[in-house]
Amino acid sequence: MKTLDDTLALERLLRPMARELSLELARAIVGVQADEETQRRYDVLAQKNNEGQLTPEERAELESLVRANTFLGLLKAEARTMLARQS
């Protein structure tokens, strides 16, 4: 899964891009959420992980979802920061 160093590196890479966001795009990014199918799949995989029942393929899928969510979370944080400065 992700490490703190990976997250910090990704945050540093996103920061310059986030400064260039329009208000409209920043608001749109803040509102992005997983669709129901993706959320259900994540919930199933997370539950199986908690129970120690993931296959290697499922573990790879869960790790991919976690990385994507981390990326989106960091992008949302940068967008929120930008919006807060505009208020």
N, C-alpha and C. Protein backbone atom coordinates (compact mmCIF):
# COMPACT_ATOMS: atom_id res chain seq x y z
N MET A 1 0.85 -1.19 0.00
CA MET A 1 0.00 0.00 0.00
C MET A 1 0.89 1.24 0.00
N LYS A 2 0.27 2.38 0.05
CA LYS A 2 1.01 3.64 -0.07
C LYS A 2 1.84 3.90 1.18
N THR A 3 2.88 4.66 1.00
CA THR A 3 3.69 5.07 2.14
C THR A 3 3.52 6.57 2.33
N LEU A 4 3.93 7.04 3.48
CA LEU A 4 3.86 8.47 3.76
C LEU A 4 4.71 9.24 2.77
N ASP A 5 5.89 8.71 2.44
CA ASP A 5 6.75 9.38 1.47
C ASP A 5 6.07 9.51 0.11
N ASP A 6 5.36 8.46 -0.32
CA ASP A 6 4.63 8.52 -1.59
C ASP A 6 3.57 9.61 -1.56
N THR A 7 2.85 9.68 -0.47
CA THR A 7 1.78 10.67 -0.33
C THR A 7 2.36 12.09 -0.34
N LEU A 8 3.44 12.29 0.38
CA LEU A 8 4.06 13.62 0.42
C LEU A 8 4.60 14.02 -0.95
N ALA A 9 5.19 13.08 -1.67
CA ALA A 9 5.71 13.37 -3.00
C ALA A 9 4.56 13.73 -3.94
N LEU A 10 3.48 13.00 -3.87
CA LEU A 10 2.33 13.28 -4.72
C LEU A 10 1.74 14.64 -4.38
N GLU A 11 1.66 14.97 -3.11
CA GLU A 11 1.15 16.28 -2.70
C GLU A 11 2.01 17.40 -3.27
N ARG A 12 3.32 17.25 -3.21
CA ARG A 12 4.22 18.27 -3.76
C ARG A 12 4.04 18.42 -5.26
N LEU A 13 3.81 17.31 -5.95
CA LEU A 13 3.61 17.36 -7.40
C LEU A 13 2.29 18.02 -7.78
N LEU A 14 1.28 17.83 -6.96
CA LEU A 14 -0.05 18.38 -7.26
C LEU A 14 -0.18 19.86 -6.92
N ARG A 15 0.57 20.33 -5.96
CA ARG A 15 0.43 21.70 -5.48
C ARG A 15 0.53 22.75 -6.60
N PRO A 16 1.52 22.70 -7.48
CA PRO A 16 1.58 23.72 -8.54
C PRO A 16 0.38 23.66 -9.49
N MET A 17 -0.06 22.45 -9.80
CA MET A 17 -1.21 22.31 -10.68
C MET A 17 -2.46 22.89 -10.02
N ALA A 18 -2.63 22.64 -8.73
CA ALA A 18 -3.82 23.10 -8.02
C ALA A 18 -3.90 24.62 -8.00
N ARG A 19 -2.76 25.29 -8.01
CA ARG A 19 -2.77 26.75 -8.00
C ARG A 19 -3.35 27.32 -9.28
N GLU A 20 -3.37 26.53 -10.33
CA GLU A 20 -3.88 26.98 -11.63
C GLU A 20 -5.35 26.64 -11.86
N LEU A 21 -6.00 26.02 -10.88
CA LEU A 21 -7.39 25.63 -11.05
C LEU A 21 -8.30 26.84 -11.12
N SER A 22 -9.30 26.76 -11.97
CA SER A 22 -10.35 27.78 -11.96
C SER A 22 -11.26 27.49 -10.76
N LEU A 23 -12.02 28.49 -10.34
CA LEU A 23 -12.95 28.28 -9.23
C LEU A 23 -13.95 27.18 -9.58
N GLU A 24 -14.43 27.19 -10.81
CA GLU A 24 -15.41 26.21 -11.25
C GLU A 24 -14.83 24.79 -11.18
N LEU A 25 -13.62 24.62 -11.67
CA LEU A 25 -12.99 23.30 -11.63
C LEU A 25 -12.67 22.88 -10.20
N ALA A 26 -12.22 23.79 -9.38
CA ALA A 26 -11.93 23.47 -7.98
C ALA A 26 -13.20 22.99 -7.28
N ARG A 27 -14.30 23.68 -7.51
CA ARG A 27 -15.59 23.25 -6.90
C ARG A 27 -16.00 21.88 -7.41
N ALA A 28 -15.80 21.63 -8.69
CA ALA A 28 -16.15 20.33 -9.27
C ALA A 28 -15.31 19.23 -8.66
N ILE A 29 -14.02 19.46 -8.49
CA ILE A 29 -13.13 18.46 -7.91
C ILE A 29 -13.55 18.13 -6.48
N VAL A 30 -13.88 19.16 -5.72
CA VAL A 30 -14.30 18.94 -4.33
C VAL A 30 -15.55 18.06 -4.27
N GLY A 31 -16.40 18.14 -5.27
CA GLY A 31 -17.64 17.38 -5.27
C GLY A 31 -17.54 15.97 -5.84
N VAL A 32 -16.39 15.58 -6.33
CA VAL A 32 -16.24 14.25 -6.95
C VAL A 32 -16.33 13.16 -5.89
N GLN A 33 -17.14 12.14 -6.19
CA GLN A 33 -17.26 10.98 -5.31
C GLN A 33 -17.31 9.73 -6.17
N ALA A 34 -16.94 8.62 -5.60
CA ALA A 34 -17.02 7.34 -6.30
C ALA A 34 -18.47 7.02 -6.62
N ASP A 35 -18.67 6.37 -7.77
CA ASP A 35 -20.03 5.93 -8.09
C ASP A 35 -20.40 4.75 -7.17
N GLU A 36 -21.67 4.40 -7.16
CA GLU A 36 -22.15 3.38 -6.22
C GLU A 36 -21.47 2.03 -6.43
N GLU A 37 -21.25 1.65 -7.68
CA GLU A 37 -20.62 0.36 -7.97
C GLU A 37 -19.19 0.31 -7.42
N THR A 38 -18.44 1.38 -7.64
CA THR A 38 -17.06 1.43 -7.14
C THR A 38 -17.04 1.42 -5.62
N GLN A 39 -17.93 2.18 -4.99
CA GLN A 39 -17.98 2.22 -3.53
C GLN A 39 -18.35 0.86 -2.96
N ARG A 40 -19.31 0.19 -3.59
CA ARG A 40 -19.69 -1.15 -3.11
C ARG A 40 -18.51 -2.12 -3.22
N ARG A 41 -17.80 -2.05 -4.35
CA ARG A 41 -16.66 -2.95 -4.54
C ARG A 41 -15.58 -2.68 -3.49
N TYR A 42 -15.31 -1.40 -3.25
CA TYR A 42 -14.33 -1.03 -2.22
C TYR A 42 -14.76 -1.60 -0.86
N ASP A 43 -16.03 -1.43 -0.52
CA ASP A 43 -16.54 -1.91 0.77
C ASP A 43 -16.36 -3.42 0.91
N VAL A 44 -16.66 -4.16 -0.17
CA VAL A 44 -16.49 -5.62 -0.15
C VAL A 44 -15.02 -5.98 0.05
N LEU A 45 -14.15 -5.34 -0.72
CA LEU A 45 -12.72 -5.63 -0.60
C LEU A 45 -12.17 -5.25 0.77
N ALA A 46 -12.60 -4.12 1.30
CA ALA A 46 -12.14 -3.68 2.62
C ALA A 46 -12.59 -4.67 3.69
N GLN A 47 -13.82 -5.15 3.60
CA GLN A 47 -14.33 -6.12 4.57
C GLN A 47 -13.52 -7.42 4.49
N LYS A 48 -13.30 -7.89 3.26
CA LYS A 48 -12.51 -9.12 3.09
C LYS A 48 -11.08 -8.93 3.61
N ASN A 49 -10.53 -7.74 3.42
CA ASN A 49 -9.20 -7.44 3.93
C ASN A 49 -9.19 -7.51 5.46
N ASN A 50 -10.19 -6.93 6.08
CA ASN A 50 -10.29 -6.97 7.54
C ASN A 50 -10.39 -8.39 8.06
N GLU A 51 -10.99 -9.26 7.27
CA GLU A 51 -11.17 -10.66 7.67
C GLU A 51 -9.99 -11.53 7.23
N GLY A 52 -9.00 -10.94 6.54
CA GLY A 52 -7.85 -11.69 6.07
C GLY A 52 -8.18 -12.66 4.96
N GLN A 53 -9.18 -12.32 4.12
CA GLN A 53 -9.65 -13.25 3.10
C GLN A 53 -9.44 -12.75 1.66
N LEU A 54 -8.55 -11.79 1.45
CA LEU A 54 -8.32 -11.29 0.10
C LEU A 54 -7.44 -12.24 -0.70
N THR A 55 -7.79 -12.42 -1.97
CA THR A 55 -6.89 -13.13 -2.89
C THR A 55 -5.81 -12.13 -3.31
N PRO A 56 -4.72 -12.59 -3.89
CA PRO A 56 -3.71 -11.65 -4.38
C PRO A 56 -4.27 -10.66 -5.40
N GLU A 57 -5.17 -11.12 -6.25
CA GLU A 57 -5.78 -10.23 -7.25
C GLU A 57 -6.65 -9.17 -6.57
N GLU A 58 -7.39 -9.58 -5.55
CA GLU A 58 -8.23 -8.63 -4.83
C GLU A 58 -7.38 -7.63 -4.05
N ARG A 59 -6.26 -8.09 -3.50
CA ARG A 59 -5.37 -7.18 -2.78
C ARG A 59 -4.83 -6.12 -3.74
N ALA A 60 -4.45 -6.53 -4.94
CA ALA A 60 -3.96 -5.59 -5.94
C ALA A 60 -5.06 -4.59 -6.33
N GLU A 61 -6.28 -5.08 -6.46
CA GLU A 61 -7.41 -4.21 -6.79
C GLU A 61 -7.66 -3.21 -5.67
N LEU A 62 -7.65 -3.68 -4.43
CA LEU A 62 -7.86 -2.79 -3.28
C LEU A 62 -6.76 -1.74 -3.20
N GLU A 63 -5.51 -2.16 -3.40
CA GLU A 63 -4.41 -1.21 -3.36
C GLU A 63 -4.55 -0.16 -4.45
N SER A 64 -5.02 -0.56 -5.61
CA SER A 64 -5.25 0.39 -6.70
C SER A 64 -6.33 1.39 -6.33
N LEU A 65 -7.41 0.92 -5.74
CA LEU A 65 -8.47 1.82 -5.30
C LEU A 65 -7.98 2.79 -4.22
N VAL A 66 -7.17 2.29 -3.31
CA VAL A 66 -6.63 3.14 -2.25
C VAL A 66 -5.72 4.21 -2.84
N ARG A 67 -4.87 3.84 -3.80
CA ARG A 67 -3.99 4.83 -4.44
C ARG A 67 -4.81 5.90 -5.17
N ALA A 68 -5.84 5.47 -5.90
CA ALA A 68 -6.69 6.42 -6.61
C ALA A 68 -7.39 7.35 -5.63
N ASN A 69 -7.86 6.80 -4.52
CA ASN A 69 -8.54 7.61 -3.51
C ASN A 69 -7.58 8.59 -2.85
N THR A 70 -6.35 8.16 -2.63
CA THR A 70 -5.33 9.05 -2.06
C THR A 70 -5.07 10.22 -3.01
N PHE A 71 -4.91 9.90 -4.28
CA PHE A 71 -4.69 10.93 -5.29
C PHE A 71 -5.85 11.93 -5.30
N LEU A 72 -7.08 11.41 -5.33
CA LEU A 72 -8.25 12.28 -5.34
C LEU A 72 -8.33 13.10 -4.06
N GLY A 73 -8.03 12.49 -2.93
CA GLY A 73 -8.07 13.21 -1.65
C GLY A 73 -7.09 14.36 -1.61
N LEU A 74 -5.89 14.13 -2.12
CA LEU A 74 -4.90 15.21 -2.16
C LEU A 74 -5.32 16.31 -3.11
N LEU A 75 -5.86 15.93 -4.25
CA LEU A 75 -6.33 16.93 -5.20
C LEU A 75 -7.48 17.74 -4.60
N LYS A 76 -8.38 17.07 -3.91
CA LYS A 76 -9.48 17.78 -3.23
C LYS A 76 -8.95 18.74 -2.17
N ALA A 77 -7.95 18.30 -1.41
CA ALA A 77 -7.38 19.17 -0.37
C ALA A 77 -6.79 20.43 -0.99
N GLU A 78 -6.08 20.28 -2.09
CA GLU A 78 -5.51 21.44 -2.78
C GLU A 78 -6.61 22.34 -3.32
N ALA A 79 -7.67 21.74 -3.86
CA ALA A 79 -8.79 22.54 -4.38
C ALA A 79 -9.48 23.29 -3.24
N ARG A 80 -9.67 22.64 -2.10
CA ARG A 80 -10.30 23.31 -0.95
C ARG A 80 -9.45 24.47 -0.45
N THR A 81 -8.14 24.26 -0.43
CA THR A 81 -7.23 25.32 -0.01
C THR A 81 -7.36 26.52 -0.93
N MET A 82 -7.39 26.24 -2.22
CA MET A 82 -7.52 27.32 -3.19
C MET A 82 -8.85 28.04 -3.03
N LEU A 83 -9.92 27.31 -2.83
CA LEU A 83 -11.24 27.93 -2.65
C LEU A 83 -11.28 28.76 -1.36
N ALA A 84 -10.65 28.27 -0.31
CA ALA A 84 -10.64 29.01 0.96
C ALA A 84 -9.92 30.34 0.80
N ARG A 85 -8.86 30.37 0.00
CA ARG A 85 -8.14 31.61 -0.23
C ARG A 85 -8.97 32.61 -1.04
N GLN A 86 -9.90 32.11 -1.84
CA GLN A 86 -10.74 32.98 -2.66
C GLN A 86 -11.90 33.58 -1.89
N SER A 87 -12.20 33.00 -0.73
CA SER A 87 -13.35 33.47 0.08
C SER A 87 -13.02 34.73 0.84
